[in-house]
PDB file of N, CA and C in Angstrom:
ATOM      1  N   UNK A   1      23.242  -0.552   2.720  1.00  0.00           N
ATOM      2  CA  UNK A   1      21.981  -0.616   2.928  1.00  0.00           C
ATOM      3  C   UNK A   1      21.223  -0.299   2.000  1.00  0.00           C
ATOM      4  N   UNK A   2      19.853  -0.811   1.759  1.00  0.00           N
ATOM      5  CA  UNK A   2      19.304  -0.170   0.842  1.00  0.00           C
ATOM      6  C   UNK A   2      18.379   0.871   0.957  1.00  0.00           C
ATOM      7  N   UNK A   3      17.978   1.806   0.308  1.00  0.00           N
ATOM      8  CA  UNK A   3      17.244   2.813   0.437  1.00  0.00           C
ATOM      9  C   UNK A   3      16.327   3.141  -0.790  1.00  0.00           C
ATOM     10  N   UNK A   4      14.985   3.527  -0.104  1.00  0.00           N
ATOM     11  CA  UNK A   4      13.877   3.796  -0.796  1.00  0.00           C
ATOM     12  C   UNK A   4      14.235   5.237  -1.779  1.00  0.00           C
ATOM     13  N   UNK A   5      14.578   5.041  -2.979  1.00  0.00           N
ATOM     14  CA  UNK A   5      15.016   6.336  -3.910  1.00  0.00           C
ATOM     15  C   UNK A   5      13.487   6.960  -4.288  1.00  0.00           C
ATOM     16  N   UNK A   6      12.702   6.825  -4.059  1.00  0.00           N
ATOM     17  CA  UNK A   6      10.999   7.339  -4.695  1.00  0.00           C
ATOM     18  C   UNK A   6      10.397   7.845  -3.374  1.00  0.00           C
ATOM     19  N   UNK A   7       9.333   8.720  -3.916  1.00  0.00           N
ATOM     20  CA  UNK A   7       8.738   9.361  -2.654  1.00  0.00           C
ATOM     21  C   UNK A   7       7.212   9.341  -2.990  1.00  0.00           C
ATOM     22  N   UNK A   8       6.305   8.664  -2.024  1.00  0.00           N
ATOM     23  CA  UNK A   8       4.825   8.775  -1.954  1.00  0.00           C
ATOM     24  C   UNK A   8       4.215  10.134  -2.074  1.00  0.00           C
ATOM     25  N   UNK A   9       3.530  10.733  -2.953  1.00  0.00           N
ATOM     26  CA  UNK A   9       3.049  11.582  -3.114  1.00  0.00           C
ATOM     27  C   UNK A   9       1.421  11.917  -2.665  1.00  0.00           C
ATOM     28  N   UNK A  10       1.010  10.655  -2.764  1.00  0.00           N
ATOM     29  CA  UNK A  10      -0.469  10.550  -2.467  1.00  0.00           C
ATOM     30  C   UNK A  10      -0.978   9.038  -2.131  1.00  0.00           C
ATOM     31  N   UNK A  11      -1.789   8.848  -1.151  1.00  0.00           N
ATOM     32  CA  UNK A  11      -2.321   7.421  -0.994  1.00  0.00           C
ATOM     33  C   UNK A  11      -3.857   7.576  -0.639  1.00  0.00           C
ATOM     34  N   UNK A  12      -4.717   6.711  -1.389  1.00  0.00           N
ATOM     35  CA  UNK A  12      -6.014   6.878  -1.266  1.00  0.00           C
ATOM     36  C   UNK A  12      -6.411   5.133  -1.294  1.00  0.00           C
ATOM     37  N   UNK A  13      -7.685   5.066  -0.713  1.00  0.00           N
ATOM     38  CA  UNK A  13      -8.775   3.773  -0.911  1.00  0.00           C
ATOM     39  C   UNK A  13      -9.320   3.843  -2.226  1.00  0.00           C
ATOM     40  N   UNK A  14      -9.173   2.827  -3.019  1.00  0.00           N
ATOM     41  CA  UNK A  14      -9.969   2.830  -4.609  1.00  0.00           C
ATOM     42  C   UNK A  14     -10.398   1.561  -4.675  1.00  0.00           C
ATOM     43  N   UNK A  15     -11.466   1.125  -5.000  1.00  0.00           N
ATOM     44  CA  UNK A  15     -12.171   0.042  -5.603  1.00  0.00           C
ATOM     45  C   UNK A  15     -11.620  -1.293  -4.862  1.00  0.00           C
ATOM     46  N   UNK A  16     -11.336  -1.291  -3.201  1.00  0.00           N
ATOM     47  CA  UNK A  16     -10.865  -2.262  -2.599  1.00  0.00           C
ATOM     48  C   UNK A  16      -9.453  -2.678  -2.640  1.00  0.00           C
ATOM     49  N   UNK A  17      -8.765  -1.413  -2.847  1.00  0.00           N
ATOM     50  CA  UNK A  17      -7.383  -1.301  -2.910  1.00  0.00           C
ATOM     51  C   UNK A  17      -6.735  -0.087  -2.138  1.00  0.00           C
ATOM     52  N   UNK A  18      -5.719  -0.400  -1.344  1.00  0.00           N
ATOM     53  CA  UNK A  18      -4.765   1.138  -0.988  1.00  0.00           C
ATOM     54  C   UNK A  18      -4.084   1.560  -2.312  1.00  0.00           C
ATOM     55  N   UNK A  19      -3.988   2.562  -2.891  1.00  0.00           N
ATOM     56  CA  UNK A  19      -3.246   2.573  -3.870  1.00  0.00           C
ATOM     57  C   UNK A  19      -2.341   3.876  -3.817  1.00  0.00           C
ATOM     58  N   UNK A  20      -1.012   3.802  -3.942  1.00  0.00           N
ATOM     59  CA  UNK A  20       0.060   4.772  -3.508  1.00  0.00           C
ATOM     60  C   UNK A  20       0.582   5.311  -4.848  1.00  0.00           C
ATOM     61  N   UNK A  21       0.658   6.431  -4.852  1.00  0.00           N
ATOM     62  CA  UNK A  21       0.923   7.259  -6.113  1.00  0.00           C
ATOM     63  C   UNK A  21       2.586   8.031  -5.763  1.00  0.00           C
ATOM     64  N   UNK A  22       3.219   7.142  -6.322  1.00  0.00           N
ATOM     65  CA  UNK A  22       4.981   7.460  -6.294  1.00  0.00           C
ATOM     66  C   UNK A  22       5.163   8.880  -7.190  1.00  0.00           C
ATOM     67  N   UNK A  23       6.476   9.658  -6.623  1.00  0.00           N
ATOM     68  CA  UNK A  23       6.501  10.747  -7.027  1.00  0.00           C
ATOM     69  C   UNK A  23       6.935  10.300  -8.858  1.00  0.00           C
ATOM     70  N   UNK A  24       7.484   9.225  -9.038  1.00  0.00           N
ATOM     71  CA  UNK A  24       8.039   8.736 -10.455  1.00  0.00           C
ATOM     72  C   UNK A  24       7.209   8.459 -11.113  1.00  0.00           C
ATOM     73  N   UNK A  25       5.810   8.141 -10.695  1.00  0.00           N
ATOM     74  CA  UNK A  25       4.496   7.964 -11.513  1.00  0.00           C
ATOM     75  C   UNK A  25       4.574   6.377 -11.072  1.00  0.00           C
ATOM     76  N   UNK A  26       5.111   5.930 -10.361  1.00  0.00           N
ATOM     77  CA  UNK A  26       4.700   4.411 -10.465  1.00  0.00           C
ATOM     78  C   UNK A  26       3.894   4.386  -9.396  1.00  0.00           C
ATOM     79  N   UNK A  27       2.859   3.103  -9.869  1.00  0.00           N
ATOM     80  CA  UNK A  27       1.626   3.097  -8.612  1.00  0.00           C
ATOM     81  C   UNK A  27       1.792   1.916  -7.901  1.00  0.00           C
ATOM     82  N   UNK A  28       1.826   1.881  -6.599  1.00  0.00           N
ATOM     83  CA  UNK A  28       1.685   0.697  -5.784  1.00  0.00           C
ATOM     84  C   UNK A  28       0.357   0.629  -5.143  1.00  0.00           C
ATOM     85  N   UNK A  29      -0.343  -0.751  -5.542  1.00  0.00           N
ATOM     86  CA  UNK A  29      -1.237  -0.941  -4.974  1.00  0.00           C
ATOM     87  C   UNK A  29      -1.303  -2.334  -4.273  1.00  0.00           C
ATOM     88  N   UNK A  30      -2.529  -2.633  -3.394  1.00  0.00           N
ATOM     89  CA  UNK A  30      -2.591  -4.161  -2.672  1.00  0.00           C
ATOM     90  C   UNK A  30      -4.085  -3.916  -1.988  1.00  0.00           C
ATOM     91  N   UNK A  31      -4.456  -5.178  -2.144  1.00  0.00           N
ATOM     92  CA  UNK A  31      -5.865  -5.449  -1.726  1.00  0.00           C
ATOM     93  C   UNK A  31      -6.212  -5.031  -0.371  1.00  0.00           C
ATOM     94  N   UNK A  32      -7.415  -4.327   0.077  1.00  0.00           N
ATOM     95  CA  UNK A  32      -7.549  -3.800   1.730  1.00  0.00           C
ATOM     96  C   UNK A  32      -7.926  -5.281   2.427  1.00  0.00           C
ATOM     97  N   UNK A  33      -8.476  -6.278   1.403  1.00  0.00           N
ATOM     98  CA  UNK A  33      -8.886  -7.448   2.384  1.00  0.00           C
ATOM     99  C   UNK A  33      -7.513  -8.417   2.868  1.00  0.00           C
ATOM    100  N   UNK A  34      -6.324  -7.914   2.533  1.00  0.00           N
ATOM    101  CA  UNK A  34      -5.309  -8.733   2.904  1.00  0.00           C
ATOM    102  C   UNK A  34      -4.682  -8.080   4.075  1.00  0.00           C
ATOM    103  N   UNK A  35      -5.546  -7.091   5.021  1.00  0.00           N
ATOM    104  CA  UNK A  35      -5.029  -6.664   6.103  1.00  0.00           C
ATOM    105  C   UNK A  35      -6.104  -6.463   7.148  1.00  0.00           C
ATOM    106  N   UNK A  36      -6.051  -7.191   8.085  1.00  0.00           N
ATOM    107  CA  UNK A  36      -7.215  -7.397   9.008  1.00  0.00           C
ATOM    108  C   UNK A  36      -7.998  -5.962   9.804  1.00  0.00           C
ATOM    109  N   UNK A  37      -6.886  -5.213   9.632  1.00  0.00           N
ATOM    110  CA  UNK A  37      -7.463  -4.208  10.579  1.00  0.00           C
ATOM    111  C   UNK A  37      -7.771  -3.027   9.296  1.00  0.00           C
ATOM    112  N   UNK A  38      -7.512  -3.151   8.101  1.00  0.00           N
ATOM    113  CA  UNK A  38      -7.780  -2.143   7.276  1.00  0.00           C
ATOM    114  C   UNK A  38      -9.177  -2.580   6.655  1.00  0.00           C
ATOM    115  N   UNK A  39      -9.312  -4.284   6.530  1.00  0.00           N
ATOM    116  CA  UNK A  39     -10.394  -5.058   5.695  1.00  0.00           C
ATOM    117  C   UNK A  39     -11.787  -4.303   6.898  1.00  0.00           C
ATOM    118  N   UNK A  40     -11.621  -4.051   8.148  1.00  0.00           N
ATOM    119  CA  UNK A  40     -12.661  -3.806   8.952  1.00  0.00           C
ATOM    120  C   UNK A  40     -12.884  -2.285   8.839  1.00  0.00           C
ATOM    121  N   UNK A  41     -12.080  -1.346   8.267  1.00  0.00           N
ATOM    122  CA  UNK A  41     -12.396   0.158   8.141  1.00  0.00           C
ATOM    123  C   UNK A  41     -13.633   0.352   7.251  1.00  0.00           C
ATOM    124  N   UNK A  42     -13.882   1.690   7.643  1.00  0.00           N
ATOM    125  CA  UNK A  42     -14.840   2.412   6.801  1.00  0.00           C
ATOM    126  C   UNK A  42     -14.171   2.938   5.668  1.00  0.00           C
ATOM    127  N   UNK A  43     -14.903   3.644   4.505  1.00  0.00           N
ATOM    128  CA  UNK A  43     -14.075   4.356   3.855  1.00  0.00           C
ATOM    129  C   UNK A  43     -13.577   5.217   4.089  1.00  0.00           C
ATOM    130  N   UNK A  44     -14.372   6.022   5.038  1.00  0.00           N
ATOM    131  CA  UNK A  44     -13.671   7.342   5.700  1.00  0.00           C
ATOM    132  C   UNK A  44     -12.601   7.185   6.305  1.00  0.00           C
ATOM    133  N   UNK A  45     -12.473   6.201   7.037  1.00  0.00           N
ATOM    134  CA  UNK A  45     -11.147   5.570   7.944  1.00  0.00           C
ATOM    135  C   UNK A  45      -9.856   5.371   6.952  1.00  0.00           C
ATOM    136  N   UNK A  46     -10.328   4.418   5.963  1.00  0.00           N
ATOM    137  CA  UNK A  46      -9.472   3.918   5.214  1.00  0.00           C
ATOM    138  C   UNK A  46      -8.773   4.999   4.142  1.00  0.00           C
ATOM    139  N   UNK A  47      -9.598   6.215   4.188  1.00  0.00           N
ATOM    140  CA  UNK A  47      -9.064   7.460   3.115  1.00  0.00           C
ATOM    141  C   UNK A  47      -8.349   8.427   4.097  1.00  0.00           C
ATOM    142  N   UNK A  48      -8.577   8.078   5.339  1.00  0.00           N
ATOM    143  CA  UNK A  48      -7.489   8.944   6.398  1.00  0.00           C
ATOM    144  C   UNK A  48      -5.995   8.622   6.186  1.00  0.00           C
ATOM    145  N   UNK A  49      -5.157   8.583   5.773  1.00  0.00           N
ATOM    146  CA  UNK A  49      -4.003   8.149   5.482  1.00  0.00           C
ATOM    147  C   UNK A  49      -2.923   9.001   5.771  1.00  0.00           C
ATOM    148  N   UNK A  50      -1.947   9.150   6.593  1.00  0.00           N
ATOM    149  CA  UNK A  50      -0.889   9.889   6.569  1.00  0.00           C
ATOM    150  C   UNK A  50       0.211   9.153   5.979  1.00  0.00           C
ATOM    151  N   UNK A  51       1.198  10.056   5.331  1.00  0.00           N
ATOM    152  CA  UNK A  51       2.130   9.750   4.480  1.00  0.00           C
ATOM    153  C   UNK A  51       3.395  10.064   5.139  1.00  0.00           C
ATOM    154  N   UNK A  52       4.077   8.966   5.546  1.00  0.00           N
ATOM    155  CA  UNK A  52       5.874   9.606   6.207  1.00  0.00           C
ATOM    156  C   UNK A  52       6.721   8.798   5.245  1.00  0.00           C
ATOM    157  N   UNK A  53       8.017   9.397   5.519  1.00  0.00           N
ATOM    158  CA  UNK A  53       9.176   8.997   4.638  1.00  0.00           C
ATOM    159  C   UNK A  53       9.304   7.528   4.547  1.00  0.00           C
ATOM    160  N   UNK A  54       8.765   7.111   5.636  1.00  0.00           N
ATOM    161  CA  UNK A  54       8.907   5.360   5.733  1.00  0.00           C
ATOM    162  C   UNK A  54       7.694   4.722   5.197  1.00  0.00           C
ATOM    163  N   UNK A  55       6.606   4.931   5.067  1.00  0.00           N
ATOM    164  CA  UNK A  55       5.231   4.429   4.893  1.00  0.00           C
ATOM    165  C   UNK A  55       4.066   4.737   4.878  1.00  0.00           C
ATOM    166  N   UNK A  56       3.100   4.414   5.747  1.00  0.00           N
ATOM    167  CA  UNK A  56       1.501   4.935   5.583  1.00  0.00           C
ATOM    168  C   UNK A  56       0.943   4.623   7.001  1.00  0.00           C
ATOM    169  N   UNK A  57       0.293   5.528   7.574  1.00  0.00           N
ATOM    170  CA  UNK A  57       0.013   5.349   8.806  1.00  0.00           C
ATOM    171  C   UNK A  57      -1.672   5.687   8.960  1.00  0.00           C
ATOM    172  N   UNK A  58      -2.637   4.710   9.337  1.00  0.00           N
ATOM    173  CA  UNK A  58      -4.340   4.878   9.490  1.00  0.00           C
ATOM    174  C   UNK A  58      -4.340   5.443  10.797  1.00  0.00           C
ATOM    175  N   UNK A  59      -4.470   6.685  11.470  1.00  0.00           N
ATOM    176  CA  UNK A  59      -4.695   7.036  12.427  1.00  0.00           C
ATOM    177  C   UNK A  59      -6.244   6.429  13.202  1.00  0.00           C
ATOM    178  N   UNK A  60      -7.100   6.627  12.418  1.00  0.00           N
ATOM    179  CA  UNK A  60      -8.555   5.846  12.775  1.00  0.00           C
ATOM    180  C   UNK A  60      -8.690   4.458  13.064  1.00  0.00           C
ATOM    181  N   UNK A  61      -7.678   3.783  12.530  1.00  0.00           N
ATOM    182  CA  UNK A  61      -7.366   2.402  12.757  1.00  0.00           C
ATOM    183  C   UNK A  61      -6.309   1.448  13.316  1.00  0.00           C
ATOM    184  N   UNK A  62      -5.230   2.641  13.569  1.00  0.00           N
ATOM    185  CA  UNK A  62      -4.029   1.982  14.361  1.00  0.00           C
ATOM    186  C   UNK A  62      -3.134   1.249  13.819  1.00  0.00           C
ATOM    187  N   UNK A  63      -3.258   1.577  12.357  1.00  0.00           N
ATOM    188  CA  UNK A  63      -2.115   0.433  11.685  1.00  0.00           C
ATOM    189  C   UNK A  63      -1.317   1.322  10.597  1.00  0.00           C
ATOM    190  N   UNK A  64      -0.061   0.730  10.736  1.00  0.00           N
ATOM    191  CA  UNK A  64       1.261   1.252   9.934  1.00  0.00           C
ATOM    192  C   UNK A  64       1.605   0.116   8.981  1.00  0.00           C
ATOM    193  N   UNK A  65       2.206   0.630   7.802  1.00  0.00           N
ATOM    194  CA  UNK A  65       2.858  -0.162   6.825  1.00  0.00           C
ATOM    195  C   UNK A  65       3.896   0.602   6.328  1.00  0.00           C
ATOM    196  N   UNK A  66       5.115  -0.210   6.349  1.00  0.00           N
ATOM    197  CA  UNK A  66       6.496   0.409   5.586  1.00  0.00           C
ATOM    198  C   UNK A  66       6.199   0.364   4.290  1.00  0.00           C
ATOM    199  N   UNK A  67       6.760   1.179   3.474  1.00  0.00           N
ATOM    200  CA  UNK A  67       6.897   1.168   1.742  1.00  0.00           C
ATOM    201  C   UNK A  67       7.848  -0.039   1.825  1.00  0.00           C
ATOM    202  N   UNK A  68       8.773  -0.276   2.345  1.00  0.00           N
ATOM    203  CA  UNK A  68       9.797  -1.670   2.233  1.00  0.00           C
ATOM    204  C   UNK A  68       8.787  -2.876   2.285  1.00  0.00           C
ATOM    205  N   UNK A  69       7.987  -3.059   3.274  1.00  0.00           N
ATOM    206  CA  UNK A  69       7.261  -4.239   3.603  1.00  0.00           C
ATOM    207  C   UNK A  69       6.318  -4.457   2.416  1.00  0.00           C
ATOM    208  N   UNK A  70       5.554  -3.347   2.083  1.00  0.00           N
ATOM    209  CA  UNK A  70       4.647  -3.644   0.874  1.00  0.00           C
ATOM    210  C   UNK A  70       5.299  -3.728  -0.507  1.00  0.00           C
ATOM    211  N   UNK A  71       6.451  -3.403  -0.444  1.00  0.00           N
ATOM    212  CA  UNK A  71       7.268  -3.814  -2.058  1.00  0.00           C
ATOM    213  C   UNK A  71       7.673  -5.333  -1.697  1.00  0.00           C
ATOM    214  N   UNK A  72       8.025  -5.618  -0.783  1.00  0.00           N
ATOM    215  CA  UNK A  72       8.087  -7.121  -0.120  1.00  0.00           C
ATOM    216  C   UNK A  72       7.014  -7.948  -0.259  1.00  0.00           C
ATOM    217  N   UNK A  73       5.717  -7.530  -0.029  1.00  0.00           N
ATOM    218  CA  UNK A  73       4.565  -8.334  -0.347  1.00  0.00           C
ATOM    219  C   UNK A  73       4.126  -8.539   1.130  1.00  0.00           C
ATOM    220  N   UNK A  74       4.459  -7.568   2.290  1.00  0.00           N
ATOM    221  CA  UNK A  74       4.006  -7.517   3.501  1.00  0.00           C
ATOM    222  C   UNK A  74       2.893  -6.535   3.518  1.00  0.00           C
ATOM    223  N   UNK A  75       1.626  -7.018   3.945  1.00  0.00           N
ATOM    224  CA  UNK A  75       0.516  -6.039   3.974  1.00  0.00           C
ATOM    225  C   UNK A  75       0.157  -6.219   5.257  1.00  0.00           C
ATOM    226  N   UNK A  76       1.092  -6.345   6.292  1.00  0.00           N
ATOM    227  CA  UNK A  76       0.596  -6.210   7.960  1.00  0.00           C
ATOM    228  C   UNK A  76      -0.178  -7.442   8.202  1.00  0.00           C
ATOM    229  N   UNK A  77      -1.205  -7.241   9.029  1.00  0.00           N
ATOM    230  CA  UNK A  77      -2.205  -8.185   9.575  1.00  0.00           C
ATOM    231  C   UNK A  77      -2.857  -8.885   8.764  1.00  0.00           C
ATOM    232  N   UNK A  78      -2.548 -10.053   8.431  1.00  0.00           N
ATOM    233  CA  UNK A  78      -3.348 -10.646   7.246  1.00  0.00           C
ATOM    234  C   UNK A  78      -4.625 -11.107   7.903  1.00  0.00           C
ATOM    235  N   UNK A  79      -5.522 -10.918   7.260  1.00  0.00           N
ATOM    236  CA  UNK A  79      -7.349 -11.337   7.438  1.00  0.00           C
ATOM    237  C   UNK A  79      -7.369 -12.688   7.327  1.00  0.00           C
ATOM    238  N   UNK A  80      -6.795 -13.204   6.443  1.00  0.00           N
ATOM    239  CA  UNK A  80      -6.948 -15.087   6.678  1.00  0.00           C
ATOM    240  C   UNK A  80      -6.244 -15.873   8.169  1.00  0.00           C
ATOM    241  N   UNK A  81      -5.899 -16.945   7.739  1.00  0.00           N
ATOM    242  CA  UNK A  81      -5.260 -17.899   8.565  1.00  0.00           C
ATOM    243  C   UNK A  81      -3.779 -18.118   8.262  1.00  0.00           C
ATOM    244  N   UNK A  82      -3.161 -17.253   7.683  1.00  0.00           N
ATOM    245  CA  UNK A  82      -1.522 -17.496   7.308  1.00  0.00           C
ATOM    246  C   UNK A  82      -1.092 -16.470   7.784  1.00  0.00           C
ATOM    247  N   UNK A  83       0.351 -16.455   7.743  1.00  0.00           N
ATOM    248  CA  UNK A  83       1.107 -15.079   7.955  1.00  0.00           C
ATOM    249  C   UNK A  83       0.911 -13.973   7.063  1.00  0.00           C
ATOM    250  N   UNK A  84       1.356 -12.797   7.504  1.00  0.00           N
ATOM    251  CA  UNK A  84       0.997 -11.582   6.447  1.00  0.00           C
ATOM    252  C   UNK A  84       1.921 -12.010   5.353  1.00  0.00           C
ATOM    253  N   UNK A  85       2.859 -12.227   5.410  1.00  0.00           N
ATOM    254  CA  UNK A  85       3.949 -11.969   4.316  1.00  0.00           C
ATOM    255  C   UNK A  85       3.546 -13.361   3.236  1.00  0.00           C
ATOM    256  N   UNK A  86       3.495 -12.544   2.056  1.00  0.00           N
ATOM    257  CA  UNK A  86       3.259 -13.437   0.878  1.00  0.00           C
ATOM    258  C   UNK A  86       4.180 -14.780   0.730  1.00  0.00           C
ATOM    259  N   UNK A  87       3.557 -16.029   0.527  1.00  0.00           N
ATOM    260  CA  UNK A  87       4.439 -17.190   0.311  1.00  0.00           C
ATOM    261  C   UNK A  87       5.575 -16.972  -0.965  1.00  0.00           C
ATOM    262  N   UNK A  88       5.173 -16.000  -1.728  1.00  0.00           N
ATOM    263  CA  UNK A  88       6.165 -15.823  -3.007  1.00  0.00           C
ATOM    264  C   UNK A  88       6.432 -14.481  -3.218  1.00  0.00           C
ATOM    265  N   UNK A  89       7.208 -13.708  -2.102  1.00  0.00           N
ATOM    266  CA  UNK A  89       7.378 -12.258  -2.719  1.00  0.00           C
ATOM    267  C   UNK A  89       7.856 -11.914  -4.158  1.00  0.00           C
ATOM    268  N   UNK A  90       8.737 -12.616  -4.787  1.00  0.00           N
ATOM    269  CA  UNK A  90       8.945 -12.026  -6.211  1.00  0.00           C
ATOM    270  C   UNK A  90       7.713 -11.902  -7.063  1.00  0.00           C
ATOM    271  N   UNK A  91       6.711 -12.961  -6.755  1.00  0.00           N
ATOM    272  CA  UNK A  91       5.414 -12.813  -7.658  1.00  0.00           C
ATOM    273  C   UNK A  91       4.801 -11.361  -7.027  1.00  0.00           C
ATOM    274  N   UNK A  92       4.772 -11.569  -5.640  1.00  0.00           N
ATOM    275  CA  UNK A  92       3.849 -10.381  -5.308  1.00  0.00           C
ATOM    276  C   UNK A  92       4.497  -9.075  -5.396  1.00  0.00           C
ATOM    277  N   UNK A  93       5.896  -8.967  -5.828  1.00  0.00           N
ATOM    278  CA  UNK A  93       6.444  -7.732  -6.039  1.00  0.00           C
ATOM    279  C   UNK A  93       5.940  -7.078  -7.630  1.00  0.00           C
ATOM    280  N   UNK A  94       5.825  -8.143  -8.151  1.00  0.00           N
ATOM    281  CA  UNK A  94       5.303  -7.783  -9.733  1.00  0.00           C
ATOM    282  C   UNK A  94       3.774  -7.724  -9.773  1.00  0.00           C
ATOM    283  N   UNK A  95       3.091  -8.281  -8.696  1.00  0.00           N
ATOM    284  CA  UNK A  95       1.862  -7.455  -8.539  1.00  0.00           C
ATOM    285  C   UNK A  95       1.649  -6.212  -7.774  1.00  0.00           C
ATOM    286  N   UNK A  96       2.410  -6.087  -7.001  1.00  0.00           N
ATOM    287  CA  UNK A  96       2.140  -4.905  -6.278  1.00  0.00           C
ATOM    288  C   UNK A  96       2.698  -3.649  -7.093  1.00  0.00           C
ATOM    289  N   UNK A  97       3.605  -3.747  -7.963  1.00  0.00           N
ATOM    290  CA  UNK A  97       4.197  -2.321  -8.415  1.00  0.00           C
ATOM    291  C   UNK A  97       3.288  -2.483  -9.977  1.00  0.00           C
ATOM    292  N   UNK A  98       2.317  -1.998 -10.223  1.00  0.00           N
ATOM    293  CA  UNK A  98       1.394  -1.769 -11.321  1.00  0.00           C
ATOM    294  C   UNK A  98       2.342  -1.449 -12.535  1.00  0.00           C
ATOM    295  N   UNK A  99       2.993  -0.249 -12.317  1.00  0.00           N
ATOM    296  CA  UNK A  99       3.525  -0.027 -13.463  1.00  0.00           C
ATOM    297  C   UNK A  99       4.068   1.769 -13.666  1.00  0.00           C
ATOM    298  N   UNK A 100       4.739   2.133 -14.564  1.00  0.00           N
ATOM    299  CA  UNK A 100       4.945   3.354 -14.615  1.00  0.00           C
ATOM    300  C   UNK A 100       4.165   3.935 -15.482  1.00  0.00           C
ATOM    301  N   UNK A 101       3.281   5.327 -15.127  1.00  0.00           N
ATOM    302  CA  UNK A 101       2.664   5.999 -15.861  1.00  0.00           C
ATOM    303  C   UNK A 101       2.515   7.452 -15.314  1.00  0.00           C
ATOM    304  N   UNK A 102       2.044   8.089 -16.165  1.00  0.00           N
ATOM    305  CA  UNK A 102       2.260   9.555 -15.785  1.00  0.00           C
ATOM    306  C   UNK A 102       1.169   9.756 -15.016  1.00  0.00           C
ATOM    307  N   UNK A 103       1.001  10.568 -13.917  1.00  0.00           N
ATOM    308  CA  UNK A 103       0.251  10.777 -12.724  1.00  0.00           C
ATOM    309  C   UNK A 103      -0.935  11.500 -13.683  1.00  0.00           C
ATOM    310  N   UNK A 104      -0.633  12.692 -14.412  1.00  0.00           N
ATOM    311  CA  UNK A 104      -2.006  13.246 -14.791  1.00  0.00           C
ATOM    312  C   UNK A 104      -2.921  12.138 -15.696  1.00  0.00           C
ATOM    313  N   UNK A 105      -2.422  10.999 -16.067  1.00  0.00           N
ATOM    314  CA  UNK A 105      -3.159  10.096 -16.655  1.00  0.00           C
ATOM    315  C   UNK A 105      -4.091   9.463 -15.503  1.00  0.00           C
ATOM    316  N   UNK A 106      -3.274   9.346 -14.349  1.00  0.00           N
ATOM    317  CA  UNK A 106      -3.934   8.703 -13.188  1.00  0.00           C
ATOM    318  C   UNK A 106      -5.271   9.899 -12.546  1.00  0.00           C
ATOM    319  N   UNK A 107      -5.127  11.030 -12.907  1.00  0.00           N
ATOM    320  CA  UNK A 107      -6.117  11.777 -12.166  1.00  0.00           C
ATOM    321  C   UNK A 107      -6.935  12.277 -13.216  1.00  0.00           C
ATOM    322  N   UNK A 108      -6.596  11.957 -14.456  1.00  0.00           N
ATOM    323  CA  UNK A 108      -7.670  12.221 -15.359  1.00  0.00           C
ATOM    324  C   UNK A 108      -8.941  12.065 -15.228  1.00  0.00           C
TER     325      UNK A 108
END
């Protein structure tokens, strides 16, 4: 069984993306436009994010996304006319995981 060995410490809506800051310094981001429910949300709704050990929840938008799904390129309900999962998950993973950087630099 695979387990997520990192912990999300903060999630926010920033410049058209949901950005998740992990304890290790890794930053995960995905475009809001890739999820139908999130794409219709206001800035206030998009920033009302609850973090659980398994993923993110937007109570105002009734949307839940798992960390595992996000890493695999699954952004939930796709806003376009195809399935929600990326057609090329390995490339999606490279785009989702922006890289490691110190959190102090992220908040500076």
